């Protein structure tokens, strides 16, 4: 089974936004956003993904990538 890779860190650098600012604007804790950023989550609400995309002005596909298992 493959896995989902999150590229939130890359998008945050491109948009020049800090973890604290993004967490505040999205409405989630720094700890939870840090887990998302560092690929330490197994699930994410669509509402959270939508809020992140709205703040970062991006599409879910800019953040998510499916990686096939070899």
Protein backbone atom coordinates (compact mmCIF):
# COMPACT_ATOMS: atom_id res chain seq x y z
CA UNK A 1 0.00 0.00 0.00
CA UNK A 2 1.28 3.47 -0.85
CA UNK A 3 1.34 6.50 1.39
CA UNK A 4 0.47 10.18 1.31
CA UNK A 5 3.36 12.62 1.60
CA UNK A 6 2.68 16.16 2.78
CA UNK A 7 4.65 19.07 1.32
CA UNK A 8 3.28 21.74 3.63
CA UNK A 9 6.78 22.79 4.68
CA UNK A 10 7.74 23.55 1.08
CA UNK A 11 4.60 25.60 0.44
CA UNK A 12 5.11 27.53 3.69
CA UNK A 13 8.65 28.47 2.61
CA UNK A 14 7.43 29.52 -0.84
CA UNK A 15 4.69 31.68 0.73
CA UNK A 16 7.04 33.01 3.45
CA UNK A 17 4.65 32.17 6.28
CA UNK A 18 5.63 30.92 9.72
CA UNK A 19 4.15 27.97 11.55
CA UNK A 20 2.71 30.29 14.21
CA UNK A 21 1.08 32.61 11.67
CA UNK A 22 -0.40 29.77 9.62
CA UNK A 23 -1.72 28.00 12.73
CA UNK A 24 -3.39 31.19 13.91
CA UNK A 25 -4.93 31.98 10.54
CA UNK A 26 -6.14 28.38 10.02
CA UNK A 27 -7.46 28.10 13.57
CA UNK A 28 -5.53 25.06 14.80
CA UNK A 29 -2.84 24.64 17.43
CA UNK A 30 0.85 25.01 16.63
CA UNK A 31 1.37 21.43 17.82
CA UNK A 32 -1.22 20.01 15.40
CA UNK A 33 0.06 22.09 12.49
CA UNK A 34 3.62 21.00 13.28
CA UNK A 35 2.51 17.35 13.11
CA UNK A 36 0.92 17.98 9.71
CA UNK A 37 3.99 19.84 8.48
CA UNK A 38 6.31 17.02 9.57
CA UNK A 39 4.20 14.15 8.15
CA UNK A 40 3.35 12.83 11.63
CA UNK A 41 -0.40 12.51 11.03
CA UNK A 42 -2.47 9.64 9.68
CA UNK A 43 -5.57 11.73 8.97
CA UNK A 44 -6.61 15.32 8.40
CA UNK A 45 -10.08 16.87 8.22
CA UNK A 46 -11.08 18.27 4.85
CA UNK A 47 -12.06 21.47 6.64
CA UNK A 48 -8.48 21.82 7.93
CA UNK A 49 -7.04 21.08 4.49
CA UNK A 50 -9.43 23.59 2.95
CA UNK A 51 -8.48 26.28 5.47
CA UNK A 52 -4.76 25.67 4.86
CA UNK A 53 -5.30 25.91 1.10
CA UNK A 54 -7.31 29.10 1.48
CA UNK A 55 -4.66 30.81 3.64
CA UNK A 56 -1.78 29.62 1.41
CA UNK A 57 -3.69 30.27 -1.84
CA UNK A 58 -2.95 26.79 -3.16
CA UNK A 59 -4.68 23.56 -4.20
CA UNK A 60 -4.72 20.33 -2.15
CA UNK A 61 -2.51 18.75 -4.84
CA UNK A 62 0.17 21.32 -4.06
CA UNK A 63 0.37 19.93 -0.52
CA UNK A 64 -0.45 16.23 -0.98
CA UNK A 65 1.41 13.61 -2.97
CA UNK A 66 0.73 9.88 -3.27
CA UNK A 67 3.82 7.69 -3.19
CA UNK A 68 3.60 4.10 -4.43
CA UNK A 69 5.23 1.45 -2.30
CA UNK A 70 7.91 -0.52 -4.07
